[in-house]
């Protein structure tokens, strides 16, 4: 796995953990938001989101 992919996975996992208090939809939305944040960080660092 590339460093970019690891970063996206890490942010998605953190977002999912943060979303746990909302029972069903929280981890899903948190994971999506975390992945978007990770992709944006990759885009800033490397010029591509993946």
PDB file of N, CA and C in Angstrom:
ATOM      1  N   UNK A   1       0.855  -1.169   0.000  1.00  0.00           N
ATOM      2  CA  UNK A   1       0.000   0.000   0.000  1.00  0.00           C
ATOM      3  C   UNK A   1       0.900   1.230   0.000  1.00  0.00           C
ATOM      4  N   UNK A   2       0.530   2.201  -0.786  1.00  0.00           N
ATOM      5  CA  UNK A   2       1.319   3.428  -0.861  1.00  0.00           C
ATOM      6  C   UNK A   2       1.107   4.280   0.381  1.00  0.00           C
ATOM      7  N   UNK A   3       1.996   5.240   0.571  1.00  0.00           N
ATOM      8  CA  UNK A   3       1.854   6.129   1.722  1.00  0.00           C
ATOM      9  C   UNK A   3       0.584   6.963   1.617  1.00  0.00           C
ATOM     10  N   UNK A   4       0.184   7.287   0.386  1.00  0.00           N
ATOM     11  CA  UNK A   4      -1.043   8.046   0.200  1.00  0.00           C
ATOM     12  C   UNK A   4      -2.253   7.227   0.623  1.00  0.00           C
ATOM     13  N   UNK A   5      -2.273   5.956   0.236  1.00  0.00           N
ATOM     14  CA  UNK A   5      -3.374   5.074   0.625  1.00  0.00           C
ATOM     15  C   UNK A   5      -3.430   4.850   2.124  1.00  0.00           C
ATOM     16  N   UNK A   6      -2.266   4.729   2.733  1.00  0.00           N
ATOM     17  CA  UNK A   6      -2.223   4.571   4.186  1.00  0.00           C
ATOM     18  C   UNK A   6      -2.784   5.800   4.884  1.00  0.00           C
ATOM     19  N   UNK A   7      -2.470   6.978   4.357  1.00  0.00           N
ATOM     20  CA  UNK A   7      -2.969   8.208   4.968  1.00  0.00           C
ATOM     21  C   UNK A   7      -4.492   8.274   4.866  1.00  0.00           C
ATOM     22  N   UNK A   8      -5.046   7.939   3.713  1.00  0.00           N
ATOM     23  CA  UNK A   8      -6.498   7.957   3.546  1.00  0.00           C
ATOM     24  C   UNK A   8      -7.145   6.947   4.483  1.00  0.00           C
ATOM     25  N   UNK A   9      -6.583   5.746   4.589  1.00  0.00           N
ATOM     26  CA  UNK A   9      -7.141   4.719   5.477  1.00  0.00           C
ATOM     27  C   UNK A   9      -7.083   5.162   6.933  1.00  0.00           C
ATOM     28  N   UNK A  10      -5.984   5.795   7.320  1.00  0.00           N
ATOM     29  CA  UNK A  10      -5.837   6.257   8.704  1.00  0.00           C
ATOM     30  C   UNK A  10      -6.880   7.322   9.033  1.00  0.00           C
ATOM     31  N   UNK A  11      -7.057   8.290   8.153  1.00  0.00           N
ATOM     32  CA  UNK A  11      -8.045   9.336   8.416  1.00  0.00           C
ATOM     33  C   UNK A  11      -9.468   8.780   8.386  1.00  0.00           C
ATOM     34  N   UNK A  12      -9.738   7.807   7.506  1.00  0.00           N
ATOM     35  CA  UNK A  12     -11.063   7.193   7.471  1.00  0.00           C
ATOM     36  C   UNK A  12     -11.339   6.437   8.764  1.00  0.00           C
ATOM     37  N   UNK A  13     -10.334   5.730   9.290  1.00  0.00           N
ATOM     38  CA  UNK A  13     -10.514   5.002  10.544  1.00  0.00           C
ATOM     39  C   UNK A  13     -10.755   5.958  11.708  1.00  0.00           C
ATOM     40  N   UNK A  14     -10.004   7.051  11.752  1.00  0.00           N
ATOM     41  CA  UNK A  14     -10.198   8.040  12.816  1.00  0.00           C
ATOM     42  C   UNK A  14     -11.595   8.650  12.720  1.00  0.00           C
ATOM     43  N   UNK A  15     -12.033   8.961  11.512  1.00  0.00           N
ATOM     44  CA  UNK A  15     -13.377   9.505  11.335  1.00  0.00           C
ATOM     45  C   UNK A  15     -14.456   8.533  11.769  1.00  0.00           C
ATOM     46  N   UNK A  16     -14.250   7.257  11.486  1.00  0.00           N
ATOM     47  CA  UNK A  16     -15.230   6.246  11.895  1.00  0.00           C
ATOM     48  C   UNK A  16     -15.276   6.112  13.411  1.00  0.00           C
ATOM     49  N   UNK A  17     -14.133   6.175  14.060  1.00  0.00           N
ATOM     50  CA  UNK A  17     -14.098   6.072  15.523  1.00  0.00           C
ATOM     51  C   UNK A  17     -14.781   7.282  16.152  1.00  0.00           C
ATOM     52  N   UNK A  18     -14.537   8.452  15.590  1.00  0.00           N
ATOM     53  CA  UNK A  18     -15.173   9.663  16.117  1.00  0.00           C
ATOM     54  C   UNK A  18     -16.691   9.594  15.943  1.00  0.00           C
ATOM     55  N   UNK A  19     -17.154   8.946  14.868  1.00  0.00           N
ATOM     56  CA  UNK A  19     -18.581   8.858  14.595  1.00  0.00           C
ATOM     57  C   UNK A  19     -19.312   7.765  15.359  1.00  0.00           C
ATOM     58  N   UNK A  20     -18.640   7.005  16.211  1.00  0.00           N
ATOM     59  CA  UNK A  20     -19.269   5.895  16.935  1.00  0.00           C
ATOM     60  C   UNK A  20     -20.447   6.326  17.809  1.00  0.00           C
ATOM     61  N   UNK A  21     -20.427   7.490  18.479  1.00  0.00           N
ATOM     62  CA  UNK A  21     -21.574   7.840  19.328  1.00  0.00           C
ATOM     63  C   UNK A  21     -22.918   7.885  18.594  1.00  0.00           C
ATOM     64  N   UNK A  22     -22.935   8.187  17.325  1.00  0.00           N
ATOM     65  CA  UNK A  22     -24.170   8.106  16.551  1.00  0.00           C
ATOM     66  C   UNK A  22     -24.283   6.657  16.070  1.00  0.00           C
ATOM     67  N   UNK A  23     -25.293   5.897  16.510  1.00  0.00           N
ATOM     68  CA  UNK A  23     -25.291   4.444  16.416  1.00  0.00           C
ATOM     69  C   UNK A  23     -25.090   3.827  15.032  1.00  0.00           C
ATOM     70  N   UNK A  24     -25.886   4.160  14.052  1.00  0.00           N
ATOM     71  CA  UNK A  24     -25.821   3.426  12.787  1.00  0.00           C
ATOM     72  C   UNK A  24     -25.082   4.216  11.710  1.00  0.00           C
ATOM     73  N   UNK A  25     -25.480   5.420  11.488  1.00  0.00           N
ATOM     74  CA  UNK A  25     -24.950   6.193  10.378  1.00  0.00           C
ATOM     75  C   UNK A  25     -23.658   6.926  10.733  1.00  0.00           C
ATOM     76  N   UNK A  26     -23.363   7.108  12.018  1.00  0.00           N
ATOM     77  CA  UNK A  26     -22.196   7.877  12.443  1.00  0.00           C
ATOM     78  C   UNK A  26     -20.875   7.359  11.914  1.00  0.00           C
ATOM     79  N   UNK A  27     -20.552   6.063  12.077  1.00  0.00           N
ATOM     80  CA  UNK A  27     -19.277   5.567  11.564  1.00  0.00           C
ATOM     81  C   UNK A  27     -19.163   5.642  10.043  1.00  0.00           C
ATOM     82  N   UNK A  28     -20.270   5.473   9.352  1.00  0.00           N
ATOM     83  CA  UNK A  28     -20.240   5.542   7.889  1.00  0.00           C
ATOM     84  C   UNK A  28     -19.904   6.960   7.446  1.00  0.00           C
ATOM     85  N   UNK A  29     -20.643   7.934   7.971  1.00  0.00           N
ATOM     86  CA  UNK A  29     -20.402   9.328   7.617  1.00  0.00           C
ATOM     87  C   UNK A  29     -19.016   9.759   8.090  1.00  0.00           C
ATOM     88  N   UNK A  30     -18.618   9.344   9.293  1.00  0.00           N
ATOM     89  CA  UNK A  30     -17.297   9.679   9.815  1.00  0.00           C
ATOM     90  C   UNK A  30     -16.181   9.120   8.945  1.00  0.00           C
ATOM     91  N   UNK A  31     -16.348   7.899   8.473  1.00  0.00           N
ATOM     92  CA  UNK A  31     -15.352   7.298   7.590  1.00  0.00           C
ATOM     93  C   UNK A  31     -15.232   8.027   6.268  1.00  0.00           C
ATOM     94  N   UNK A  32     -16.364   8.426   5.713  1.00  0.00           N
ATOM     95  CA  UNK A  32     -16.349   9.167   4.451  1.00  0.00           C
ATOM     96  C   UNK A  32     -15.674  10.520   4.640  1.00  0.00           C
ATOM     97  N   UNK A  33     -16.037  11.218   5.702  1.00  0.00           N
ATOM     98  CA  UNK A  33     -15.434  12.529   5.968  1.00  0.00           C
ATOM     99  C   UNK A  33     -13.931  12.381   6.206  1.00  0.00           C
ATOM    100  N   UNK A  34     -13.531  11.374   6.968  1.00  0.00           N
ATOM    101  CA  UNK A  34     -12.112  11.140   7.207  1.00  0.00           C
ATOM    102  C   UNK A  34     -11.348  10.833   5.927  1.00  0.00           C
ATOM    103  N   UNK A  35     -11.929  10.034   5.040  1.00  0.00           N
ATOM    104  CA  UNK A  35     -11.277   9.718   3.773  1.00  0.00           C
ATOM    105  C   UNK A  35     -11.125  10.953   2.904  1.00  0.00           C
ATOM    106  N   UNK A  36     -12.133  11.820   2.902  1.00  0.00           N
ATOM    107  CA  UNK A  36     -12.048  13.062   2.136  1.00  0.00           C
ATOM    108  C   UNK A  36     -10.946  13.957   2.693  1.00  0.00           C
ATOM    109  N   UNK A  37     -10.849  14.039   4.016  1.00  0.00           N
ATOM    110  CA  UNK A  37      -9.791  14.846   4.627  1.00  0.00           C
ATOM    111  C   UNK A  37      -8.417  14.276   4.257  1.00  0.00           C
ATOM    112  N   UNK A  38      -8.262  12.966   4.310  1.00  0.00           N
ATOM    113  CA  UNK A  38      -6.996  12.337   3.930  1.00  0.00           C
ATOM    114  C   UNK A  38      -6.656  12.574   2.463  1.00  0.00           C
ATOM    115  N   UNK A  39      -7.647  12.494   1.586  1.00  0.00           N
ATOM    116  CA  UNK A  39      -7.411  12.730   0.168  1.00  0.00           C
ATOM    117  C   UNK A  39      -7.006  14.179  -0.080  1.00  0.00           C
ATOM    118  N   UNK A  40      -7.641  15.109   0.627  1.00  0.00           N
ATOM    119  CA  UNK A  40      -7.270  16.513   0.464  1.00  0.00           C
ATOM    120  C   UNK A  40      -5.853  16.769   0.960  1.00  0.00           C
ATOM    121  N   UNK A  41      -5.467  16.115   2.050  1.00  0.00           N
ATOM    122  CA  UNK A  41      -4.103  16.266   2.554  1.00  0.00           C
ATOM    123  C   UNK A  41      -3.105  15.701   1.544  1.00  0.00           C
ATOM    124  N   UNK A  42      -3.432  14.550   0.930  1.00  0.00           N
ATOM    125  CA  UNK A  42      -2.560  13.984  -0.102  1.00  0.00           C
ATOM    126  C   UNK A  42      -2.443  14.930  -1.282  1.00  0.00           C
ATOM    127  N   UNK A  43      -3.550  15.556  -1.655  1.00  0.00           N
ATOM    128  CA  UNK A  43      -3.543  16.465  -2.796  1.00  0.00           C
ATOM    129  C   UNK A  43      -2.633  17.660  -2.529  1.00  0.00           C
ATOM    130  N   UNK A  44      -2.648  18.152  -1.290  1.00  0.00           N
ATOM    131  CA  UNK A  44      -1.778  19.265  -0.928  1.00  0.00           C
ATOM    132  C   UNK A  44      -0.314  18.844  -0.943  1.00  0.00           C
ATOM    133  N   UNK A  45      -0.024  17.638  -0.440  1.00  0.00           N
ATOM    134  CA  UNK A  45       1.365  17.194  -0.327  1.00  0.00           C
ATOM    135  C   UNK A  45       1.950  16.710  -1.647  1.00  0.00           C
ATOM    136  N   UNK A  46       1.175  15.954  -2.427  1.00  0.00           N
ATOM    137  CA  UNK A  46       1.723  15.294  -3.602  1.00  0.00           C
ATOM    138  C   UNK A  46       1.093  15.736  -4.923  1.00  0.00           C
ATOM    139  N   UNK A  47       0.043  16.532  -4.888  1.00  0.00           N
ATOM    140  CA  UNK A  47      -0.586  16.962  -6.126  1.00  0.00           C
ATOM    141  C   UNK A  47      -1.602  15.982  -6.681  1.00  0.00           C
ATOM    142  N   UNK A  48      -1.814  14.868  -6.000  1.00  0.00           N
ATOM    143  CA  UNK A  48      -2.842  13.892  -6.428  1.00  0.00           C
ATOM    144  C   UNK A  48      -3.498  13.321  -5.177  1.00  0.00           C
ATOM    145  N   UNK A  49      -4.779  12.985  -5.230  1.00  0.00           N
ATOM    146  CA  UNK A  49      -5.489  12.563  -4.030  1.00  0.00           C
ATOM    147  C   UNK A  49      -5.300  11.098  -3.658  1.00  0.00           C
ATOM    148  N   UNK A  50      -4.681  10.280  -4.509  1.00  0.00           N
ATOM    149  CA  UNK A  50      -4.580   8.851  -4.221  1.00  0.00           C
ATOM    150  C   UNK A  50      -3.180   8.447  -3.873  1.00  0.00           C
TER     151      UNK A  50
END
